[in-house]
C-alpha cells in the first residue's frame, strides 16, 4: 500500500462525518447521477469510499442544509483542483506558520472558512493548486 492510501483513514477522520452518494441525493432531492455530475463539474466534492472504492462519499461540511451546498465549495474546488482526497486533505490538515499571509497555529483552512475567513482559504488554494 502506498503512502497516499495509508493516509486516507487519517484524512477521512480529520474531515469528520460523511454521507453516501444516495444520502446526498436524498438531501438535495435529486438523483444520484446529478450528484455525480455536480462532483465532476466542481459544485461539490466527493471521494472514493475506502472500503468499497466504487462507492462515493461526500463530506458533511460542504452542505449548508437541506438542498443547499455551501457557496464557497465550488470556488475553492476551482482554485485548488477537484481531486477529492487531495482537496479534503488540503482543507483539513492543521497548519502552523504563515499561510497566505496569515499566521495559523494549528487551525485548518476548513476551520478558517467556518470562522468566516474564506479569502484566506481561496488564496492558499490558488497558491497550492496541484493540478
Protein backbone atom coordinates (compact mmCIF):
# COMPACT_ATOMS: atom_id res chain seq x y z
CA UNK A 1 0.00 0.00 0.00
CA UNK A 2 1.46 3.40 -0.93
CA UNK A 3 1.69 6.39 1.40
CA UNK A 4 -1.37 8.04 -0.14
CA UNK A 5 -3.51 5.02 0.61
CA UNK A 6 -2.28 4.74 4.19
CA UNK A 7 -3.04 8.46 4.79
CA UNK A 8 -6.68 8.21 3.70
CA UNK A 9 -8.12 6.98 7.02
CA UNK A 10 -6.46 9.93 8.82
CA UNK A 11 -7.71 12.39 6.19
CA UNK A 12 -11.22 10.99 6.46
CA UNK A 13 -11.14 11.18 10.27
CA UNK A 14 -9.97 14.83 10.16
CA UNK A 15 -12.73 15.69 7.70
CA UNK A 16 -15.44 14.41 10.01
CA UNK A 17 -18.77 12.86 9.11
CA UNK A 18 -19.50 11.97 5.51
CA UNK A 19 -22.54 10.68 3.68
CA UNK A 20 -23.09 8.30 0.81
CA UNK A 21 -23.99 9.35 -2.70
CA UNK A 22 -27.57 8.14 -2.11
CA UNK A 23 -27.81 10.14 1.12
CA UNK A 24 -26.52 13.26 -0.63
CA UNK A 25 -29.03 12.79 -3.44
CA UNK A 26 -31.87 12.42 -0.94
CA UNK A 27 -30.71 15.51 0.98
CA UNK A 28 -30.51 17.56 -2.20
CA UNK A 29 -33.72 15.99 -3.60
CA UNK A 30 -32.03 14.97 -6.86
CA UNK A 31 -30.96 11.70 -8.47
CA UNK A 32 -27.62 10.02 -7.66
CA UNK A 33 -26.46 10.81 -11.21
CA UNK A 34 -27.00 14.53 -10.55
CA UNK A 35 -24.69 14.41 -7.53
CA UNK A 36 -22.05 12.60 -9.64
CA UNK A 37 -22.38 15.36 -12.25
CA UNK A 38 -22.01 18.02 -9.57
CA UNK A 39 -18.81 16.33 -8.37
CA UNK A 40 -17.47 16.15 -11.94
CA UNK A 41 -18.38 19.82 -12.53
CA UNK A 42 -16.84 21.04 -9.26
CA UNK A 43 -20.05 22.04 -7.50
CA UNK A 44 -19.33 19.68 -4.59
CA UNK A 45 -16.61 17.26 -3.56
CA UNK A 46 -16.73 13.51 -3.29
CA UNK A 47 -14.13 10.82 -2.83
CA UNK A 48 -13.97 7.05 -3.28
CA UNK A 49 -15.02 5.14 -0.18
CA UNK A 50 -12.01 3.50 1.47
CA UNK A 51 -13.74 0.17 1.91
CA UNK A 52 -15.57 0.00 -1.41
CA UNK A 53 -13.77 2.14 -3.97
CA UNK A 54 -16.69 2.12 -6.40
CA UNK A 55 -18.87 3.95 -3.88
CA UNK A 56 -18.57 7.68 -3.28
CA UNK A 57 -18.67 9.56 0.00
CA UNK A 58 -19.25 13.27 0.45
CA UNK A 59 -18.09 15.32 3.45
CA UNK A 60 -20.98 16.69 5.51
CA UNK A 61 -19.30 20.07 5.97
CA UNK A 62 -19.98 21.07 2.37
CA UNK A 63 -23.74 21.07 2.92
CA UNK A 64 -25.41 24.14 4.42
CA UNK A 65 -28.65 22.29 5.00
CA UNK A 66 -31.34 20.52 3.05
CA UNK A 67 -30.96 21.23 -0.66
CA UNK A 68 -28.01 23.63 -0.12
CA UNK A 69 -24.30 23.23 -0.89
CA UNK A 70 -22.17 25.99 0.68
CA UNK A 71 -21.43 28.64 -1.95
CA UNK A 72 -17.70 28.52 -1.19
CA UNK A 73 -17.22 24.86 -2.19
CA UNK A 74 -17.28 25.46 -5.97
CA UNK A 75 -14.83 28.40 -5.99
CA UNK A 76 -12.43 26.52 -3.71
CA UNK A 77 -12.57 23.41 -5.90
CA UNK A 78 -11.90 25.59 -8.94
CA UNK A 79 -8.95 27.28 -7.24
CA UNK A 80 -7.40 24.12 -5.81
CA UNK A 81 -8.42 21.31 -8.13
CA UNK A 82 -11.04 18.63 -7.97
CA UNK A 83 -9.16 15.60 -6.63
CA UNK A 84 -11.45 14.73 -3.71
CA UNK A 85 -8.86 13.17 -1.41
CA UNK A 86 -6.28 15.91 -2.05
CA UNK A 87 -8.89 18.65 -1.59
CA UNK A 88 -10.15 17.23 1.70
CA UNK A 89 -6.59 16.82 2.97
CA UNK A 90 -5.75 20.39 1.92
CA UNK A 91 -8.74 21.80 3.80
CA UNK A 92 -8.49 19.74 6.98
CA UNK A 93 -4.78 19.43 7.78
CA UNK A 94 -3.76 21.53 10.82
CA UNK A 95 -1.47 24.36 9.71
CA UNK A 96 1.28 26.22 11.51
CA UNK A 97 3.06 29.38 10.46
CA UNK A 98 2.22 31.71 7.61
CA UNK A 99 -0.50 30.64 5.22
CA UNK A 100 -1.45 33.18 2.57
CA UNK A 101 -0.09 35.97 4.81
CA UNK A 102 -1.97 34.84 7.93
CA UNK A 103 -0.34 33.19 10.93
CA UNK A 104 -2.01 29.92 11.84
CA UNK A 105 -1.36 27.92 14.97
CA UNK A 106 -2.89 24.53 14.33
CA UNK A 107 -6.09 25.60 12.63
CA UNK A 108 -7.20 24.04 9.37
CA UNK A 109 -8.37 26.01 6.37
CA UNK A 110 -11.79 24.45 6.85
CA UNK A 111 -11.89 25.92 10.36
CA UNK A 112 -10.89 29.29 8.93
CA UNK A 113 -13.72 29.10 6.38
CA UNK A 114 -16.22 28.09 9.04
CA UNK A 115 -15.00 31.08 11.06
CA UNK A 116 -15.70 33.42 8.15
CA UNK A 117 -12.27 33.68 6.51
CA UNK A 118 -12.93 32.32 3.03
CA UNK A 119 -10.42 34.65 1.39
CA UNK A 120 -7.52 33.06 3.27
CA UNK A 121 -8.54 29.61 2.04
CA UNK A 122 -9.03 30.84 -1.54
CA UNK A 123 -5.59 32.48 -1.56
CA UNK A 124 -3.98 29.33 -0.15
CA UNK A 125 -5.82 27.16 -2.72
CA UNK A 126 -4.66 29.30 -5.61
CA UNK A 127 -1.04 29.08 -4.42
CA UNK A 128 -1.16 25.34 -3.75
CA UNK A 129 -3.10 24.09 -6.78
CA UNK A 130 -1.51 20.73 -7.57
CA UNK A 131 -3.16 20.39 -10.99
